[in-house]
Amino acid sequence: MARVVGSVVATQKDPSLVGKKLMIVQQINSDQQPVRYEQVAADTVNAGIGDNVLIVRGAGARRADKGRDNGQDRDVNDCTIVGIIDRFDK
């Protein structure tokens, strides 16, 4: 889980990232407190700054956006936003 805290604009990047919105995310725990560090994630769900989101890393992140990659097999993405959290029930 993470909170979107900003966005990144990169005019020069790997071709597999062209057309993808890049967001800065801060990992959070279930109490919505920051943990770990900020990182950049590709956004597949149109999240906005301030949204709490679900993120996946590694192979899952590379597969999350396969339907939109114009047939590219190579993907350098290691973190992807795959859902927007509506609420936390504890």
Protein backbone atom coordinates (compact mmCIF):
# COMPACT_ATOMS: atom_id res chain seq x y z
CA MET A 1 0.00 0.00 0.00
CA ALA A 2 1.15 3.52 -0.68
CA ARG A 3 0.04 7.13 -0.91
CA VAL A 4 0.61 9.13 -4.08
CA VAL A 5 2.66 12.19 -3.10
CA GLY A 6 3.66 13.60 -6.48
CA SER A 7 4.38 12.96 -10.11
CA VAL A 8 7.46 12.72 -12.31
CA VAL A 9 7.96 14.18 -15.78
CA ALA A 10 10.73 12.52 -17.80
CA THR A 11 11.06 13.54 -21.44
CA GLN A 12 13.91 11.09 -22.05
CA LYS A 13 13.17 7.54 -20.89
CA ASP A 14 13.21 3.91 -21.93
CA PRO A 15 10.72 3.23 -24.76
CA SER A 16 8.72 0.86 -22.53
CA LEU A 17 7.81 3.84 -20.31
CA VAL A 18 6.57 6.11 -23.11
CA GLY A 19 2.91 7.00 -22.56
CA LYS A 20 2.87 5.85 -18.93
CA LYS A 21 2.07 8.29 -16.12
CA LEU A 22 4.80 8.14 -13.47
CA MET A 23 3.83 8.89 -9.88
CA ILE A 24 5.86 9.29 -6.68
CA VAL A 25 4.47 6.96 -4.01
CA GLN A 26 5.22 6.70 -0.28
CA GLN A 27 4.59 3.25 1.17
CA ILE A 28 2.17 3.26 4.12
CA ASN A 29 0.94 0.77 6.72
CA SER A 30 -2.70 0.00 7.57
CA ASP A 31 -2.75 2.98 9.96
CA GLN A 32 -1.85 5.13 6.93
CA GLN A 33 1.52 6.02 8.46
CA PRO A 34 4.55 6.31 6.14
CA VAL A 35 6.98 3.41 6.11
CA ARG A 36 10.15 2.86 4.12
CA TYR A 37 10.94 5.28 1.31
CA GLU A 38 9.41 7.07 -1.66
CA GLN A 39 9.64 5.48 -5.09
CA VAL A 40 8.36 5.99 -8.62
CA ALA A 41 5.49 3.83 -9.87
CA ALA A 42 3.81 3.56 -13.25
CA ASP A 43 0.09 4.36 -12.92
CA THR A 44 -2.43 2.05 -14.62
CA VAL A 45 -5.58 3.28 -12.82
CA ASN A 46 -5.40 7.08 -13.15
CA ALA A 47 -4.57 7.72 -9.49
CA GLY A 48 -4.11 11.26 -8.26
CA ILE A 49 -1.96 12.99 -5.67
CA GLY A 50 -3.28 12.17 -2.19
CA ASP A 51 -4.87 8.84 -3.21
CA ASN A 52 -4.06 5.71 -1.23
CA VAL A 53 -3.19 3.00 -3.74
CA LEU A 54 -2.29 -0.66 -4.15
CA ILE A 55 1.13 -1.22 -5.67
CA VAL A 56 2.85 -4.31 -7.02
CA ARG A 57 6.56 -4.80 -7.56
CA GLY A 58 8.79 -7.02 -9.67
CA ALA A 59 7.31 -9.36 -12.27
CA GLY A 60 3.76 -8.45 -11.22
CA ALA A 61 4.48 -4.80 -11.95
CA ARG A 62 5.73 -5.61 -15.44
CA ARG A 63 2.66 -7.75 -16.22
CA ALA A 64 0.12 -5.28 -14.83
CA ASP A 65 0.19 -3.06 -17.91
CA LYS A 66 0.66 -5.69 -20.66
CA GLY A 67 -2.62 -4.83 -22.38
CA ARG A 68 -1.42 -1.28 -23.04
CA ASP A 69 2.19 -1.76 -24.08
CA ASN A 70 1.72 -2.02 -27.86
CA GLY A 71 3.22 -5.51 -28.00
CA GLN A 72 6.48 -4.68 -26.27
CA ASP A 73 8.01 -7.67 -24.53
CA ARG A 74 10.68 -5.63 -22.75
CA ASP A 75 9.54 -3.58 -19.77
CA VAL A 76 11.85 -1.84 -17.31
CA ASN A 77 9.07 -1.05 -14.82
CA ASP A 78 9.53 -2.43 -11.30
CA CYS A 79 6.63 -0.74 -9.46
CA THR A 80 3.05 -0.28 -10.71
CA ILE A 81 -0.11 1.23 -9.21
CA VAL A 82 -2.87 -1.33 -9.78
CA GLY A 83 -5.72 -0.07 -7.59
CA ILE A 84 -7.08 2.90 -5.64
CA ILE A 85 -7.98 2.16 -2.00
CA ASP A 86 -11.46 3.38 -1.06
CA ARG A 87 -11.20 2.66 2.68
CA PHE A 88 -9.32 0.72 5.35
CA ASP A 89 -11.40 -1.69 7.49
CA LYS A 90 -9.61 -3.00 10.57
